[in-house]
Amino acid sequence: KFTGEIAGAWLLAAKVNDGWVIVQ
């Protein structure tokens, strides 16, 4: 969720190499 926004969103993330990426 971002400041000032009423609603947020779901997220799916995966660890790739040494970091995380938002897959969807």
mmCIF file of all heavy atoms, coordinates in Angstrom:
data_MODEL
# 
_entry.id   MODEL 
# 
loop_
_atom_site.group_PDB 
_atom_site.id 
_atom_site.type_symbol 
_atom_site.label_atom_id 
_atom_site.label_alt_id 
_atom_site.label_comp_id 
_atom_site.label_asym_id 
_atom_site.label_entity_id 
_atom_site.label_seq_id 
_atom_site.pdbx_PDB_ins_code 
_atom_site.Cartn_x 
_atom_site.Cartn_y 
_atom_site.Cartn_z 
_atom_site.occupancy 
_atom_site.B_iso_or_equiv 
_atom_site.pdbx_formal_charge 
_atom_site.auth_seq_id 
_atom_site.auth_comp_id 
_atom_site.auth_asym_id 
_atom_site.auth_atom_id 
_atom_site.pdbx_PDB_model_num 
ATOM 1   N N   . LYS A 1 1  ? 0.862   -1.184  0.000   1.00 0.00 ? 1  LYS A N   1 
ATOM 2   C CA  . LYS A 1 1  ? 0.000   0.000   0.000   1.00 0.00 ? 1  LYS A CA  1 
ATOM 3   C C   . LYS A 1 1  ? 0.894   1.227   0.000   1.00 0.00 ? 1  LYS A C   1 
ATOM 4   O O   . LYS A 1 1  ? 1.947   1.241   0.634   1.00 0.00 ? 1  LYS A O   1 
ATOM 5   C CB  . LYS A 1 1  ? -0.898  -0.010  1.233   1.00 0.00 ? 1  LYS A CB  1 
ATOM 6   C CG  . LYS A 1 1  ? -1.947  1.073   1.239   1.00 0.00 ? 1  LYS A CG  1 
ATOM 7   C CD  . LYS A 1 1  ? -2.925  0.853   2.382   1.00 0.00 ? 1  LYS A CD  1 
ATOM 8   C CE  . LYS A 1 1  ? -4.032  1.851   2.333   1.00 0.00 ? 1  LYS A CE  1 
ATOM 9   N NZ  . LYS A 1 1  ? -3.692  3.172   2.826   1.00 0.00 ? 1  LYS A NZ  1 
ATOM 10  N N   . PHE A 1 2  ? 0.457   2.241   -0.718  1.00 0.00 ? 2  PHE A N   1 
ATOM 11  C CA  . PHE A 1 2  ? 1.204   3.492   -0.802  1.00 0.00 ? 2  PHE A CA  1 
ATOM 12  C C   . PHE A 1 2  ? 0.482   4.579   -0.019  1.00 0.00 ? 2  PHE A C   1 
ATOM 13  O O   . PHE A 1 2  ? -0.748  4.648   -0.023  1.00 0.00 ? 2  PHE A O   1 
ATOM 14  C CB  . PHE A 1 2  ? 1.384   3.918   -2.255  1.00 0.00 ? 2  PHE A CB  1 
ATOM 15  C CG  . PHE A 1 2  ? 2.067   2.872   -3.096  1.00 0.00 ? 2  PHE A CG  1 
ATOM 16  C CD1 . PHE A 1 2  ? 1.397   2.248   -4.132  1.00 0.00 ? 2  PHE A CD1 1 
ATOM 17  C CD2 . PHE A 1 2  ? 3.379   2.499   -2.837  1.00 0.00 ? 2  PHE A CD2 1 
ATOM 18  C CE1 . PHE A 1 2  ? 2.020   1.273   -4.895  1.00 0.00 ? 2  PHE A CE1 1 
ATOM 19  C CE2 . PHE A 1 2  ? 4.008   1.529   -3.592  1.00 0.00 ? 2  PHE A CE2 1 
ATOM 20  C CZ  . PHE A 1 2  ? 3.322   0.915   -4.627  1.00 0.00 ? 2  PHE A CZ  1 
ATOM 21  N N   . THR A 1 3  ? 1.223   5.433   0.648   1.00 0.00 ? 3  THR A N   1 
ATOM 22  C CA  . THR A 1 3  ? 0.663   6.531   1.420   1.00 0.00 ? 3  THR A CA  1 
ATOM 23  C C   . THR A 1 3  ? -0.289  7.354   0.553   1.00 0.00 ? 3  THR A C   1 
ATOM 24  O O   . THR A 1 3  ? 0.022   7.655   -0.604  1.00 0.00 ? 3  THR A O   1 
ATOM 25  C CB  . THR A 1 3  ? 1.793   7.438   1.952   1.00 0.00 ? 3  THR A CB  1 
ATOM 26  O OG1 . THR A 1 3  ? 2.654   6.652   2.773   1.00 0.00 ? 3  THR A OG1 1 
ATOM 27  C CG2 . THR A 1 3  ? 1.250   8.607   2.752   1.00 0.00 ? 3  THR A CG2 1 
ATOM 28  N N   . GLY A 1 4  ? -1.450  7.672   1.122   1.00 0.00 ? 4  GLY A N   1 
ATOM 29  C CA  . GLY A 1 4  ? -2.422  8.501   0.415   1.00 0.00 ? 4  GLY A CA  1 
ATOM 30  C C   . GLY A 1 4  ? -3.397  7.724   -0.437  1.00 0.00 ? 4  GLY A C   1 
ATOM 31  O O   . GLY A 1 4  ? -4.354  8.301   -0.958  1.00 0.00 ? 4  GLY A O   1 
ATOM 32  N N   . GLU A 1 5  ? -3.198  6.433   -0.590  1.00 0.00 ? 5  GLU A N   1 
ATOM 33  C CA  . GLU A 1 5  ? -4.122  5.613   -1.370  1.00 0.00 ? 5  GLU A CA  1 
ATOM 34  C C   . GLU A 1 5  ? -5.077  4.894   -0.439  1.00 0.00 ? 5  GLU A C   1 
ATOM 35  O O   . GLU A 1 5  ? -4.703  4.480   0.661   1.00 0.00 ? 5  GLU A O   1 
ATOM 36  C CB  . GLU A 1 5  ? -3.354  4.627   -2.250  1.00 0.00 ? 5  GLU A CB  1 
ATOM 37  C CG  . GLU A 1 5  ? -2.537  5.335   -3.313  1.00 0.00 ? 5  GLU A CG  1 
ATOM 38  C CD  . GLU A 1 5  ? -1.884  4.374   -4.309  1.00 0.00 ? 5  GLU A CD  1 
ATOM 39  O OE1 . GLU A 1 5  ? -2.086  3.151   -4.194  1.00 0.00 ? 5  GLU A OE1 1 
ATOM 40  O OE2 . GLU A 1 5  ? -1.177  4.876   -5.189  1.00 0.00 ? 5  GLU A OE2 1 
ATOM 41  N N   . ILE A 1 6  ? -6.318  4.746   -0.865  1.00 0.00 ? 6  ILE A N   1 
ATOM 42  C CA  . ILE A 1 6  ? -7.351  4.145   -0.035  1.00 0.00 ? 6  ILE A CA  1 
ATOM 43  C C   . ILE A 1 6  ? -7.130  2.645   0.140   1.00 0.00 ? 6  ILE A C   1 
ATOM 44  O O   . ILE A 1 6  ? -7.258  2.106   1.223   1.00 0.00 ? 6  ILE A O   1 
ATOM 45  C CB  . ILE A 1 6  ? -8.746  4.412   -0.631  1.00 0.00 ? 6  ILE A CB  1 
ATOM 46  C CG1 . ILE A 1 6  ? -9.030  5.913   -0.587  1.00 0.00 ? 6  ILE A CG1 1 
ATOM 47  C CG2 . ILE A 1 6  ? -9.818  3.631   0.110   1.00 0.00 ? 6  ILE A CG2 1 
ATOM 48  C CD1 . ILE A 1 6  ? -10.259 6.326   -1.347  1.00 0.00 ? 6  ILE A CD1 1 
ATOM 49  N N   . ALA A 1 7  ? -6.818  1.971   -0.936  1.00 0.00 ? 7  ALA A N   1 
ATOM 50  C CA  . ALA A 1 7  ? -6.661  0.517   -0.882  1.00 0.00 ? 7  ALA A CA  1 
ATOM 51  C C   . ALA A 1 7  ? -5.277  0.115   -1.383  1.00 0.00 ? 7  ALA A C   1 
ATOM 52  O O   . ALA A 1 7  ? -4.622  0.859   -2.105  1.00 0.00 ? 7  ALA A O   1 
ATOM 53  C CB  . ALA A 1 7  ? -7.737  -0.149  -1.728  1.00 0.00 ? 7  ALA A CB  1 
ATOM 54  N N   . GLY A 1 8  ? -4.888  -1.074  -1.025  1.00 0.00 ? 8  GLY A N   1 
ATOM 55  C CA  . GLY A 1 8  ? -3.613  -1.606  -1.478  1.00 0.00 ? 8  GLY A CA  1 
ATOM 56  C C   . GLY A 1 8  ? -3.835  -2.745  -2.451  1.00 0.00 ? 8  GLY A C   1 
ATOM 57  O O   . GLY A 1 8  ? -4.903  -2.877  -3.042  1.00 0.00 ? 8  GLY A O   1 
ATOM 58  N N   . ALA A 1 9  ? -2.829  -3.564  -2.611  1.00 0.00 ? 9  ALA A N   1 
ATOM 59  C CA  . ALA A 1 9  ? -2.883  -4.687  -3.540  1.00 0.00 ? 9  ALA A CA  1 
ATOM 60  C C   . ALA A 1 9  ? -2.154  -5.873  -2.921  1.00 0.00 ? 9  ALA A C   1 
ATOM 61  O O   . ALA A 1 9  ? -1.348  -5.710  -2.020  1.00 0.00 ? 9  ALA A O   1 
ATOM 62  C CB  . ALA A 1 9  ? -2.226  -4.310  -4.863  1.00 0.00 ? 9  ALA A CB  1 
ATOM 63  N N   . TRP A 1 10 ? -2.448  -7.056  -3.415  1.00 0.00 ? 10 TRP A N   1 
ATOM 64  C CA  . TRP A 1 10 ? -1.708  -8.238  -2.987  1.00 0.00 ? 10 TRP A CA  1 
ATOM 65  C C   . TRP A 1 10 ? -0.414  -8.307  -3.785  1.00 0.00 ? 10 TRP A C   1 
ATOM 66  O O   . TRP A 1 10 ? -0.287  -7.663  -4.824  1.00 0.00 ? 10 TRP A O   1 
ATOM 67  C CB  . TRP A 1 10 ? -2.530  -9.521  -3.159  1.00 0.00 ? 10 TRP A CB  1 
ATOM 68  C CG  . TRP A 1 10 ? -3.052  -9.732  -4.544  1.00 0.00 ? 10 TRP A CG  1 
ATOM 69  C CD1 . TRP A 1 10 ? -4.306  -9.407  -5.000  1.00 0.00 ? 10 TRP A CD1 1 
ATOM 70  C CD2 . TRP A 1 10 ? -2.366  -10.279 -5.667  1.00 0.00 ? 10 TRP A CD2 1 
ATOM 71  N NE1 . TRP A 1 10 ? -4.431  -9.721  -6.329  1.00 0.00 ? 10 TRP A NE1 1 
ATOM 72  C CE2 . TRP A 1 10 ? -3.248  -10.266 -6.778  1.00 0.00 ? 10 TRP A CE2 1 
ATOM 73  C CE3 . TRP A 1 10 ? -1.096  -10.782 -5.869  1.00 0.00 ? 10 TRP A CE3 1 
ATOM 74  C CZ2 . TRP A 1 10 ? -2.888  -10.725 -8.037  1.00 0.00 ? 10 TRP A CZ2 1 
ATOM 75  C CZ3 . TRP A 1 10 ? -0.748  -11.238 -7.131  1.00 0.00 ? 10 TRP A CZ3 1 
ATOM 76  C CH2 . TRP A 1 10 ? -1.642  -11.211 -8.192  1.00 0.00 ? 10 TRP A CH2 1 
ATOM 77  N N   . LEU A 1 11 ? 0.537   -9.094  -3.298  1.00 0.00 ? 11 LEU A N   1 
ATOM 78  C CA  . LEU A 1 11 ? 1.771   -9.289  -4.052  1.00 0.00 ? 11 LEU A CA  1 
ATOM 79  C C   . LEU A 1 11 ? 2.312   -10.691 -3.814  1.00 0.00 ? 11 LEU A C   1 
ATOM 80  O O   . LEU A 1 11 ? 2.080   -11.296 -2.771  1.00 0.00 ? 11 LEU A O   1 
ATOM 81  C CB  . LEU A 1 11 ? 2.825   -8.237  -3.703  1.00 0.00 ? 11 LEU A CB  1 
ATOM 82  C CG  . LEU A 1 11 ? 3.496   -8.244  -2.339  1.00 0.00 ? 11 LEU A CG  1 
ATOM 83  C CD1 . LEU A 1 11 ? 4.658   -9.220  -2.290  1.00 0.00 ? 11 LEU A CD1 1 
ATOM 84  C CD2 . LEU A 1 11 ? 4.005   -6.863  -2.014  1.00 0.00 ? 11 LEU A CD2 1 
ATOM 85  N N   . LEU A 1 12 ? 3.012   -11.176 -4.814  1.00 0.00 ? 12 LEU A N   1 
ATOM 86  C CA  . LEU A 1 12 ? 3.751   -12.434 -4.743  1.00 0.00 ? 12 LEU A CA  1 
ATOM 87  C C   . LEU A 1 12 ? 5.195   -12.117 -5.108  1.00 0.00 ? 12 LEU A C   1 
ATOM 88  O O   . LEU A 1 12 ? 5.446   -11.448 -6.107  1.00 0.00 ? 12 LEU A O   1 
ATOM 89  C CB  . LEU A 1 12 ? 3.190   -13.465 -5.723  1.00 0.00 ? 12 LEU A CB  1 
ATOM 90  C CG  . LEU A 1 12 ? 1.769   -13.940 -5.473  1.00 0.00 ? 12 LEU A CG  1 
ATOM 91  C CD1 . LEU A 1 12 ? 1.287   -14.798 -6.642  1.00 0.00 ? 12 LEU A CD1 1 
ATOM 92  C CD2 . LEU A 1 12 ? 1.691   -14.726 -4.174  1.00 0.00 ? 12 LEU A CD2 1 
ATOM 93  N N   . ALA A 1 13 ? 6.127   -12.586 -4.293  1.00 0.00 ? 13 ALA A N   1 
ATOM 94  C CA  . ALA A 1 13 ? 7.539   -12.319 -4.541  1.00 0.00 ? 13 ALA A CA  1 
ATOM 95  C C   . ALA A 1 13 ? 8.329   -13.625 -4.470  1.00 0.00 ? 13 ALA A C   1 
ATOM 96  O O   . ALA A 1 13 ? 7.921   -14.575 -3.803  1.00 0.00 ? 13 ALA A O   1 
ATOM 97  C CB  . ALA A 1 13 ? 8.075   -11.328 -3.512  1.00 0.00 ? 13 ALA A CB  1 
ATOM 98  N N   . ALA A 1 14 ? 9.442   -13.647 -5.170  1.00 0.00 ? 14 ALA A N   1 
ATOM 99  C CA  . ALA A 1 14 ? 10.321  -14.813 -5.166  1.00 0.00 ? 14 ALA A CA  1 
ATOM 100 C C   . ALA A 1 14 ? 11.764  -14.354 -5.018  1.00 0.00 ? 14 ALA A C   1 
ATOM 101 O O   . ALA A 1 14 ? 12.149  -13.305 -5.532  1.00 0.00 ? 14 ALA A O   1 
ATOM 102 C CB  . ALA A 1 14 ? 10.157  -15.618 -6.459  1.00 0.00 ? 14 ALA A CB  1 
ATOM 103 N N   . LYS A 1 15 ? 12.538  -15.162 -4.317  1.00 0.00 ? 15 LYS A N   1 
ATOM 104 C CA  . LYS A 1 15 ? 13.957  -14.866 -4.159  1.00 0.00 ? 15 LYS A CA  1 
ATOM 105 C C   . LYS A 1 15 ? 14.681  -15.355 -5.402  1.00 0.00 ? 15 LYS A C   1 
ATOM 106 O O   . LYS A 1 15 ? 14.569  -16.508 -5.796  1.00 0.00 ? 15 LYS A O   1 
ATOM 107 C CB  . LYS A 1 15 ? 14.517  -15.546 -2.914  1.00 0.00 ? 15 LYS A CB  1 
ATOM 108 C CG  . LYS A 1 15 ? 15.888  -15.057 -2.545  1.00 0.00 ? 15 LYS A CG  1 
ATOM 109 C CD  . LYS A 1 15 ? 16.269  -15.514 -1.170  1.00 0.00 ? 15 LYS A CD  1 
ATOM 110 C CE  . LYS A 1 15 ? 17.564  -14.828 -0.762  1.00 0.00 ? 15 LYS A CE  1 
ATOM 111 N NZ  . LYS A 1 15 ? 17.960  -15.248 0.573   1.00 0.00 ? 15 LYS A NZ  1 
ATOM 112 N N   . VAL A 1 16 ? 15.398  -14.448 -6.031  1.00 0.00 ? 16 VAL A N   1 
ATOM 113 C CA  . VAL A 1 16 ? 16.153  -14.755 -7.241  1.00 0.00 ? 16 VAL A CA  1 
ATOM 114 C C   . VAL A 1 16 ? 17.590  -14.330 -6.990  1.00 0.00 ? 16 VAL A C   1 
ATOM 115 O O   . VAL A 1 16 ? 17.845  -13.164 -6.682  1.00 0.00 ? 16 VAL A O   1 
ATOM 116 C CB  . VAL A 1 16 ? 15.569  -14.013 -8.464  1.00 0.00 ? 16 VAL A CB  1 
ATOM 117 C CG1 . VAL A 1 16 ? 16.384  -14.287 -9.701  1.00 0.00 ? 16 VAL A CG1 1 
ATOM 118 C CG2 . VAL A 1 16 ? 14.112  -14.388 -8.672  1.00 0.00 ? 16 VAL A CG2 1 
ATOM 119 N N   . ASN A 1 17 ? 18.514  -15.272 -7.092  1.00 0.00 ? 17 ASN A N   1 
ATOM 120 C CA  . ASN A 1 17 ? 19.917  -15.019 -6.763  1.00 0.00 ? 17 ASN A CA  1 
ATOM 121 C C   . ASN A 1 17 ? 19.998  -14.505 -5.323  1.00 0.00 ? 17 ASN A C   1 
ATOM 122 O O   . ASN A 1 17 ? 19.586  -15.195 -4.423  1.00 0.00 ? 17 ASN A O   1 
ATOM 123 C CB  . ASN A 1 17 ? 20.566  -14.082 -7.772  1.00 0.00 ? 17 ASN A CB  1 
ATOM 124 C CG  . ASN A 1 17 ? 20.542  -14.664 -9.173  1.00 0.00 ? 17 ASN A CG  1 
ATOM 125 O OD1 . ASN A 1 17 ? 20.753  -15.851 -9.374  1.00 0.00 ? 17 ASN A OD1 1 
ATOM 126 N ND2 . ASN A 1 17 ? 20.253  -13.826 -10.155 1.00 0.00 ? 17 ASN A ND2 1 
ATOM 127 N N   . ASP A 1 18 ? 20.467  -13.282 -5.121  1.00 0.00 ? 18 ASP A N   1 
ATOM 128 C CA  . ASP A 1 18 ? 20.602  -12.752 -3.759  1.00 0.00 ? 18 ASP A CA  1 
ATOM 129 C C   . ASP A 1 18 ? 19.542  -11.724 -3.405  1.00 0.00 ? 18 ASP A C   1 
ATOM 130 O O   . ASP A 1 18 ? 19.655  -11.060 -2.379  1.00 0.00 ? 18 ASP A O   1 
ATOM 131 C CB  . ASP A 1 18 ? 21.990  -12.122 -3.576  1.00 0.00 ? 18 ASP A CB  1 
ATOM 132 C CG  . ASP A 1 18 ? 23.087  -13.153 -3.596  1.00 0.00 ? 18 ASP A CG  1 
ATOM 133 O OD1 . ASP A 1 18 ? 22.829  -14.300 -3.180  1.00 0.00 ? 18 ASP A OD1 1 
ATOM 134 O OD2 . ASP A 1 18 ? 24.208  -12.826 -4.021  1.00 0.00 ? 18 ASP A OD2 1 
ATOM 135 N N   . GLY A 1 19 ? 18.509  -11.567 -4.242  1.00 0.00 ? 19 GLY A N   1 
ATOM 136 C CA  . GLY A 1 19 ? 17.497  -10.569 -3.966  1.00 0.00 ? 19 GLY A CA  1 
ATOM 137 C C   . GLY A 1 19 ? 16.094  -11.080 -4.216  1.00 0.00 ? 19 GLY A C   1 
ATOM 138 O O   . GLY A 1 19 ? 15.894  -12.215 -4.633  1.00 0.00 ? 19 GLY A O   1 
ATOM 139 N N   . TRP A 1 20 ? 15.131  -10.241 -3.951  1.00 0.00 ? 20 TRP A N   1 
ATOM 140 C CA  . TRP A 1 20 ? 13.723  -10.576 -4.126  1.00 0.00 ? 20 TRP A CA  1 
ATOM 141 C C   . TRP A 1 20 ? 13.154  -9.787  -5.290  1.00 0.00 ? 20 TRP A C   1 
ATOM 142 O O   . TRP A 1 20 ? 13.519  -8.629  -5.497  1.00 0.00 ? 20 TRP A O   1 
ATOM 143 C CB  . TRP A 1 20 ? 12.945  -10.237 -2.856  1.00 0.00 ? 20 TRP A CB  1 
ATOM 144 C CG  . TRP A 1 20 ? 13.230  -11.160 -1.723  1.00 0.00 ? 20 TRP A CG  1 
ATOM 145 C CD1 . TRP A 1 20 ? 14.250  -11.069 -0.829  1.00 0.00 ? 20 TRP A CD1 1 
ATOM 146 C CD2 . TRP A 1 20 ? 12.496  -12.326 -1.385  1.00 0.00 ? 20 TRP A CD2 1 
ATOM 147 N NE1 . TRP A 1 20 ? 14.191  -12.117 0.061   1.00 0.00 ? 20 TRP A NE1 1 
ATOM 148 C CE2 . TRP A 1 20 ? 13.116  -12.907 -0.257  1.00 0.00 ? 20 TRP A CE2 1 
ATOM 149 C CE3 . TRP A 1 20 ? 11.364  -12.951 -1.910  1.00 0.00 ? 20 TRP A CE3 1 
ATOM 150 C CZ2 . TRP A 1 20 ? 12.649  -14.055 0.351   1.00 0.00 ? 20 TRP A CZ2 1 
ATOM 151 C CZ3 . TRP A 1 20 ? 10.902  -14.100 -1.301  1.00 0.00 ? 20 TRP A CZ3 1 
ATOM 152 C CH2 . TRP A 1 20 ? 11.541  -14.649 -0.188  1.00 0.00 ? 20 TRP A CH2 1 
ATOM 153 N N   . VAL A 1 21 ? 12.261  -10.421 -6.039  1.00 0.00 ? 21 VAL A N   1 
ATOM 154 C CA  . VAL A 1 21 ? 11.556  -9.740  -7.127  1.00 0.00 ? 21 VAL A CA  1 
ATOM 155 C C   . VAL A 1 21 ? 10.062  -9.902  -6.905  1.00 0.00 ? 21 VAL A C   1 
ATOM 156 O O   . VAL A 1 21 ? 9.603   -10.940 -6.412  1.00 0.00 ? 21 VAL A O   1 
ATOM 157 C CB  . VAL A 1 21 ? 11.932  -10.285 -8.526  1.00 0.00 ? 21 VAL A CB  1 
ATOM 158 C CG1 . VAL A 1 21 ? 13.380  -10.025 -8.846  1.00 0.00 ? 21 VAL A CG1 1 
ATOM 159 C CG2 . VAL A 1 21 ? 11.615  -11.746 -8.658  1.00 0.00 ? 21 VAL A CG2 1 
ATOM 160 N N   . ILE A 1 22 ? 9.320   -8.869  -7.246  1.00 0.00 ? 22 ILE A N   1 
ATOM 161 C CA  . ILE A 1 22 ? 7.861   -8.968  -7.244  1.00 0.00 ? 22 ILE A CA  1 
ATOM 162 C C   . ILE A 1 22 ? 7.484   -9.682  -8.528  1.00 0.00 ? 22 ILE A C   1 
ATOM 163 O O   . ILE A 1 22 ? 7.708   -9.173  -9.623  1.00 0.00 ? 22 ILE A O   1 
ATOM 164 C CB  . ILE A 1 22 ? 7.202   -7.582  -7.158  1.00 0.00 ? 22 ILE A CB  1 
ATOM 165 C CG1 . ILE A 1 22 ? 7.566   -6.918  -5.833  1.00 0.00 ? 22 ILE A CG1 1 
ATOM 166 C CG2 . ILE A 1 22 ? 5.687   -7.718  -7.304  1.00 0.00 ? 22 ILE A CG2 1 
ATOM 167 C CD1 . ILE A 1 22 ? 7.112   -5.482  -5.723  1.00 0.00 ? 22 ILE A CD1 1 
ATOM 168 N N   . VAL A 1 23 ? 6.938   -10.877 -8.394  1.00 0.00 ? 23 VAL A N   1 
ATOM 169 C CA  . VAL A 1 23 ? 6.560   -11.678 -9.545  1.00 0.00 ? 23 VAL A CA  1 
ATOM 170 C C   . VAL A 1 23 ? 5.233   -11.184 -10.109 1.00 0.00 ? 23 VAL A C   1 
ATOM 171 O O   . VAL A 1 23 ? 5.066   -11.039 -11.315 1.00 0.00 ? 23 VAL A O   1 
ATOM 172 C CB  . VAL A 1 23 ? 6.464   -13.174 -9.173  1.00 0.00 ? 23 VAL A CB  1 
ATOM 173 C CG1 . VAL A 1 23 ? 5.952   -13.998 -10.333 1.00 0.00 ? 23 VAL A CG1 1 
ATOM 174 C CG2 . VAL A 1 23 ? 7.820   -13.680 -8.707  1.00 0.00 ? 23 VAL A CG2 1 
ATOM 175 N N   . GLN A 1 24 ? 4.286   -10.913 -9.224  1.00 0.00 ? 24 GLN A N   1 
ATOM 176 C CA  . GLN A 1 24 ? 2.983   -10.413 -9.657  1.00 0.00 ? 24 GLN A CA  1 
ATOM 177 C C   . GLN A 1 24 ? 2.340   -9.691  -8.488  1.00 0.00 ? 24 GLN A C   1 
ATOM 178 O O   . GLN A 1 24 ? 2.555   -10.036 -7.331  1.00 0.00 ? 24 GLN A O   1 
ATOM 179 C CB  . GLN A 1 24 ? 2.090   -11.552 -10.142 1.00 0.00 ? 24 GLN A CB  1 
ATOM 180 C CG  . GLN A 1 24 ? 0.856   -11.065 -10.854 1.00 0.00 ? 24 GLN A CG  1 
ATOM 181 C CD  . GLN A 1 24 ? 0.047   -12.196 -11.485 1.00 0.00 ? 24 GLN A CD  1 
ATOM 182 O OE1 . GLN A 1 24 ? 0.267   -13.368 -11.223 1.00 0.00 ? 24 GLN A OE1 1 
ATOM 183 N NE2 . GLN A 1 24 ? -0.892  -11.815 -12.314 1.00 0.00 ? 24 GLN A NE2 1 
# 
